[in-house]
Amino acid sequence: MLVWGRSSRPARGRQASGAFRRAPEDTMGDDSHHHDHSHAHPHDHTHAAPAAGSVDWREHGVKVVPGDELDPNTAQTPGMNRATAINRARAGAEKLWAGTVHIHPDAKTGAHHHGDLESVIFVVKGRARMRWGDNLEFTAEAGPGDFIYVPPYVPHQEINASPDEVLECVLVRSGQDPVVVNLDIEPVEKPTTVKWIDPIHRT
């Protein structure tokens, strides 16, 4: 599942804080900024619904993947266990990957981003600590029931904040290949000998 890092931007060329920037609220109700959706847009990629009876929905419809049937036959890393639930091969997904990640106690990555991919992490058990920013200067923690959103190109570091409890998460990415771009940033919390995500993360 892993691919070597690629990026269409310089590794340090995007500030993490910019990825979270919102439009000024005073423009939200201004008619001069209203976008007319009454006409078709060239970038509208909506596909017409298939004609009734033209698709075998039994074969190409909803897929349920039982939690005890996840596929561990994916790239593994010391310190963690990854299993695939949804991808093209298992469910016919075209635009996303979903699976589970169990991270060993006190494991952490080096600084990196995931190119133009968006990631959503749902914490099932344990405590996750995220660091992000040009110098990993921002930090936040998440516990069971919390969601973490990682926008494209944001420099970040993931950490199991517990020294003795496994961190269990569900991970969803907006692509089949989890791109990893290593960054030349000195982590605030240096990776331990038990790495978290991928062997291509620098120590």
Protein backbone atom coordinates (compact mmCIF):
# COMPACT_ATOMS: atom_id res chain seq x y z
CA MET A 1 0.00 0.00 0.00
CA LEU A 2 2.93 2.33 0.46
CA VAL A 3 4.41 4.57 -2.19
CA TRP A 4 7.49 6.71 -2.02
CA GLY A 5 6.80 10.34 -1.29
CA ARG A 6 5.90 12.69 -4.07
CA SER A 7 4.83 16.27 -3.94
CA SER A 8 3.93 18.96 -6.40
CA ARG A 9 5.05 21.60 -3.88
CA PRO A 10 8.25 22.26 -1.96
CA ALA A 11 8.22 20.23 1.24
CA ARG A 12 8.32 23.29 3.49
CA GLY A 13 6.45 25.63 1.21
CA ARG A 14 3.06 25.48 2.90
CA GLN A 15 2.26 26.64 6.39
CA ALA A 16 0.07 24.32 8.39
CA SER A 17 -1.94 27.20 9.78
CA GLY A 18 -2.92 28.19 6.25
CA ALA A 19 -4.52 24.82 5.72
CA PHE A 20 -7.07 25.63 8.40
CA ARG A 21 -7.80 29.19 7.27
CA ARG A 22 -11.48 30.03 6.80
CA ALA A 23 -13.16 32.71 4.72
CA PRO A 24 -14.01 35.89 6.68
CA GLU A 25 -17.45 35.59 8.21
CA ASP A 26 -18.48 39.05 7.02
CA THR A 27 -18.46 37.82 3.43
CA MET A 28 -20.76 34.89 4.06
CA GLY A 29 -23.95 36.93 3.77
CA ASP A 30 -22.72 39.48 1.24
CA ASP A 31 -24.61 39.14 -2.03
CA SER A 32 -21.62 40.53 -3.89
CA HIS A 33 -19.77 37.36 -2.95
CA HIS A 34 -22.66 35.04 -3.70
CA HIS A 35 -21.73 32.29 -6.14
CA ASP A 36 -24.41 31.53 -8.70
CA HIS A 37 -25.03 27.78 -8.82
CA SER A 38 -27.88 28.06 -11.29
CA HIS A 39 -25.66 27.30 -14.25
CA ALA A 40 -23.45 24.37 -15.10
CA HIS A 41 -19.77 24.58 -14.25
CA PRO A 42 -16.98 23.18 -16.42
CA HIS A 43 -15.53 21.47 -13.33
CA ASP A 44 -18.76 19.68 -12.47
CA HIS A 45 -17.83 15.99 -12.59
CA THR A 46 -21.21 14.65 -11.51
CA HIS A 47 -22.08 11.47 -13.42
CA ALA A 48 -25.58 10.65 -14.53
CA ALA A 49 -27.26 7.87 -12.58
CA PRO A 50 -27.27 4.52 -14.40
CA ALA A 51 -30.48 3.47 -16.05
CA ALA A 52 -32.72 1.18 -14.04
CA GLY A 53 -31.74 -2.45 -14.50
CA SER A 54 -28.40 -1.63 -16.13
CA VAL A 55 -26.28 -2.46 -13.07
CA ASP A 56 -26.10 -5.66 -11.03
CA TRP A 57 -26.52 -4.01 -7.63
CA ARG A 58 -26.09 -7.34 -5.86
CA GLU A 59 -22.52 -7.44 -7.15
CA HIS A 60 -21.79 -3.72 -7.35
CA GLY A 61 -23.90 -2.33 -4.50
CA VAL A 62 -23.37 -1.89 -0.77
CA LYS A 63 -20.48 -3.82 0.79
CA VAL A 64 -20.26 -4.79 4.45
CA VAL A 65 -16.82 -5.83 5.70
CA PRO A 66 -16.99 -7.60 9.09
CA GLY A 67 -14.49 -6.36 11.63
CA ASP A 68 -12.97 -9.83 12.00
CA GLU A 69 -12.35 -10.12 8.25
CA LEU A 70 -9.98 -7.20 7.70
CA ASP A 71 -6.97 -7.88 5.52
CA PRO A 72 -3.59 -7.74 7.33
CA ASN A 73 -1.82 -8.47 4.05
CA THR A 74 -0.66 -4.89 3.66
CA ALA A 75 2.58 -3.08 4.43
CA GLN A 76 3.50 -3.48 8.10
CA THR A 77 5.89 -1.56 10.29
CA PRO A 78 7.57 -2.43 13.61
CA GLY A 79 5.52 -0.88 16.39
CA MET A 80 2.16 -1.06 14.66
CA ASN A 81 -0.35 -3.33 12.96
CA ARG A 82 -2.33 -2.16 9.94
CA ALA A 83 -5.34 -3.89 8.33
CA THR A 84 -7.31 -2.94 5.22
CA ALA A 85 -11.09 -2.77 5.33
CA ILE A 86 -12.01 -0.84 2.18
CA ASN A 87 -10.03 -0.46 -1.04
CA ARG A 88 -10.49 -1.18 -4.71
CA ALA A 89 -9.68 -4.88 -4.47
CA ARG A 90 -11.86 -5.61 -1.43
CA ALA A 91 -14.87 -3.39 -2.01
CA GLY A 92 -14.50 -1.70 -5.38
CA ALA A 93 -13.72 1.70 -3.83
CA GLU A 94 -12.30 4.15 -6.35
CA LYS A 95 -11.50 7.30 -4.37
CA LEU A 96 -10.58 6.27 -0.83
CA TRP A 97 -8.84 3.76 1.43
CA ALA A 98 -10.07 2.78 4.90
CA GLY A 99 -8.69 0.48 7.53
CA THR A 100 -7.55 0.10 11.12
CA VAL A 101 -4.26 0.97 12.76
CA HIS A 102 -3.05 -0.33 16.12
CA ILE A 103 -0.03 1.64 17.34
CA HIS A 104 2.24 0.34 20.05
CA PRO A 105 2.82 2.36 23.23
CA ASP A 106 5.07 5.43 22.96
CA ALA A 107 5.56 5.04 19.20
CA LYS A 108 5.89 8.15 17.01
CA THR A 109 6.76 9.25 13.48
CA GLY A 110 9.17 11.75 12.04
CA ALA A 111 7.92 14.94 10.39
CA HIS A 112 6.07 14.36 7.12
CA HIS A 113 2.99 15.18 5.08
CA HIS A 114 0.76 13.16 2.76
CA GLY A 115 0.88 15.24 -0.41
CA ASP A 116 -2.53 16.17 -1.76
CA LEU A 117 -4.32 13.47 0.24
CA GLU A 118 -6.78 14.26 3.00
CA SER A 119 -6.84 11.98 6.04
CA VAL A 120 -9.42 11.37 8.75
CA ILE A 121 -8.47 9.47 11.90
CA PHE A 122 -11.06 8.22 14.39
CA VAL A 123 -9.67 7.27 17.79
CA VAL A 124 -11.22 4.07 19.12
CA LYS A 125 -8.99 3.47 22.13
CA GLY A 126 -5.98 5.16 23.67
CA ARG A 127 -4.57 8.67 23.38
CA ALA A 128 -3.21 10.26 20.20
CA ARG A 129 -1.03 13.37 20.14
CA MET A 130 -0.64 15.37 16.93
CA ARG A 131 2.07 17.96 16.28
CA TRP A 132 1.96 20.15 13.18
CA GLY A 133 3.31 23.35 11.65
CA ASP A 134 6.48 24.42 9.88
CA ASN A 135 8.38 23.57 13.07
CA LEU A 136 5.80 21.19 14.57
CA GLU A 137 5.04 24.01 16.98
CA PHE A 138 1.30 23.29 17.34
CA THR A 139 -0.05 20.36 19.32
CA ALA A 140 -3.38 18.74 20.16
CA GLU A 141 -4.49 15.45 21.68
CA ALA A 142 -7.42 13.19 20.86
CA GLY A 143 -9.07 10.38 22.78
CA PRO A 144 -11.74 7.74 22.20
CA GLY A 145 -14.60 9.06 20.08
CA ASP A 146 -12.59 11.98 18.70
CA PHE A 147 -11.94 12.66 15.02
CA ILE A 148 -8.70 14.07 13.61
CA TYR A 149 -8.60 15.76 10.19
CA VAL A 150 -5.25 16.15 8.43
CA PRO A 151 -5.47 18.47 5.38
CA PRO A 152 -3.19 18.12 2.34
CA TYR A 153 0.46 19.17 2.70
CA VAL A 154 0.31 19.95 6.43
CA PRO A 155 3.67 19.09 8.07
CA HIS A 156 2.86 16.88 11.05
CA GLN A 157 3.93 14.16 13.45
CA GLU A 158 1.72 11.45 14.97
CA ILE A 159 2.41 10.14 18.45
CA ASN A 160 0.93 7.51 20.74
CA ALA A 161 0.72 9.66 23.85
CA SER A 162 0.53 6.67 26.19
CA PRO A 163 3.68 4.85 27.32
CA ASP A 164 1.78 1.68 28.18
CA GLU A 165 -1.49 1.54 26.18
CA VAL A 166 -2.03 0.57 22.54
CA LEU A 167 -3.60 3.30 20.41
CA GLU A 168 -6.40 1.94 18.22
CA CYS A 169 -7.67 4.05 15.32
CA VAL A 170 -9.73 3.90 12.15
CA LEU A 171 -8.04 5.65 9.23
CA VAL A 172 -9.65 6.95 6.03
CA ARG A 173 -7.67 8.58 3.21
CA SER A 174 -8.84 10.27 0.04
CA GLY A 175 -6.85 7.97 -2.23
CA GLN A 176 -5.77 4.36 -2.70
CA ASP A 177 -2.06 5.05 -2.11
CA PRO A 178 -1.03 6.66 1.21
CA VAL A 179 1.63 9.09 0.00
CA VAL A 180 4.31 9.98 2.56
CA VAL A 181 6.67 12.93 2.02
CA ASN A 182 9.42 13.12 4.64
CA LEU A 183 10.39 16.63 5.76
CA ASP A 184 13.66 18.04 7.00
CA ILE A 185 12.26 19.23 10.31
CA GLU A 186 13.74 18.39 13.68
CA PRO A 187 10.82 16.82 15.59
CA VAL A 188 9.95 18.30 18.96
CA GLU A 189 9.42 14.73 20.12
CA LYS A 190 12.05 12.63 18.40
CA PRO A 191 10.98 9.27 16.98
CA THR A 192 11.83 6.33 19.19
CA THR A 193 13.25 3.02 18.05
CA VAL A 194 9.63 1.85 17.72
CA LYS A 195 8.38 3.77 14.68
CA TRP A 196 4.74 4.40 14.02
CA ILE A 197 3.67 4.62 10.41
CA ASP A 198 6.20 3.62 7.78
CA PRO A 199 9.86 2.62 7.56
CA ILE A 200 10.43 5.57 5.21
CA HIS A 201 9.86 8.04 8.04
CA ARG A 202 13.22 9.41 9.05
CA THR A 203 14.58 8.97 12.52
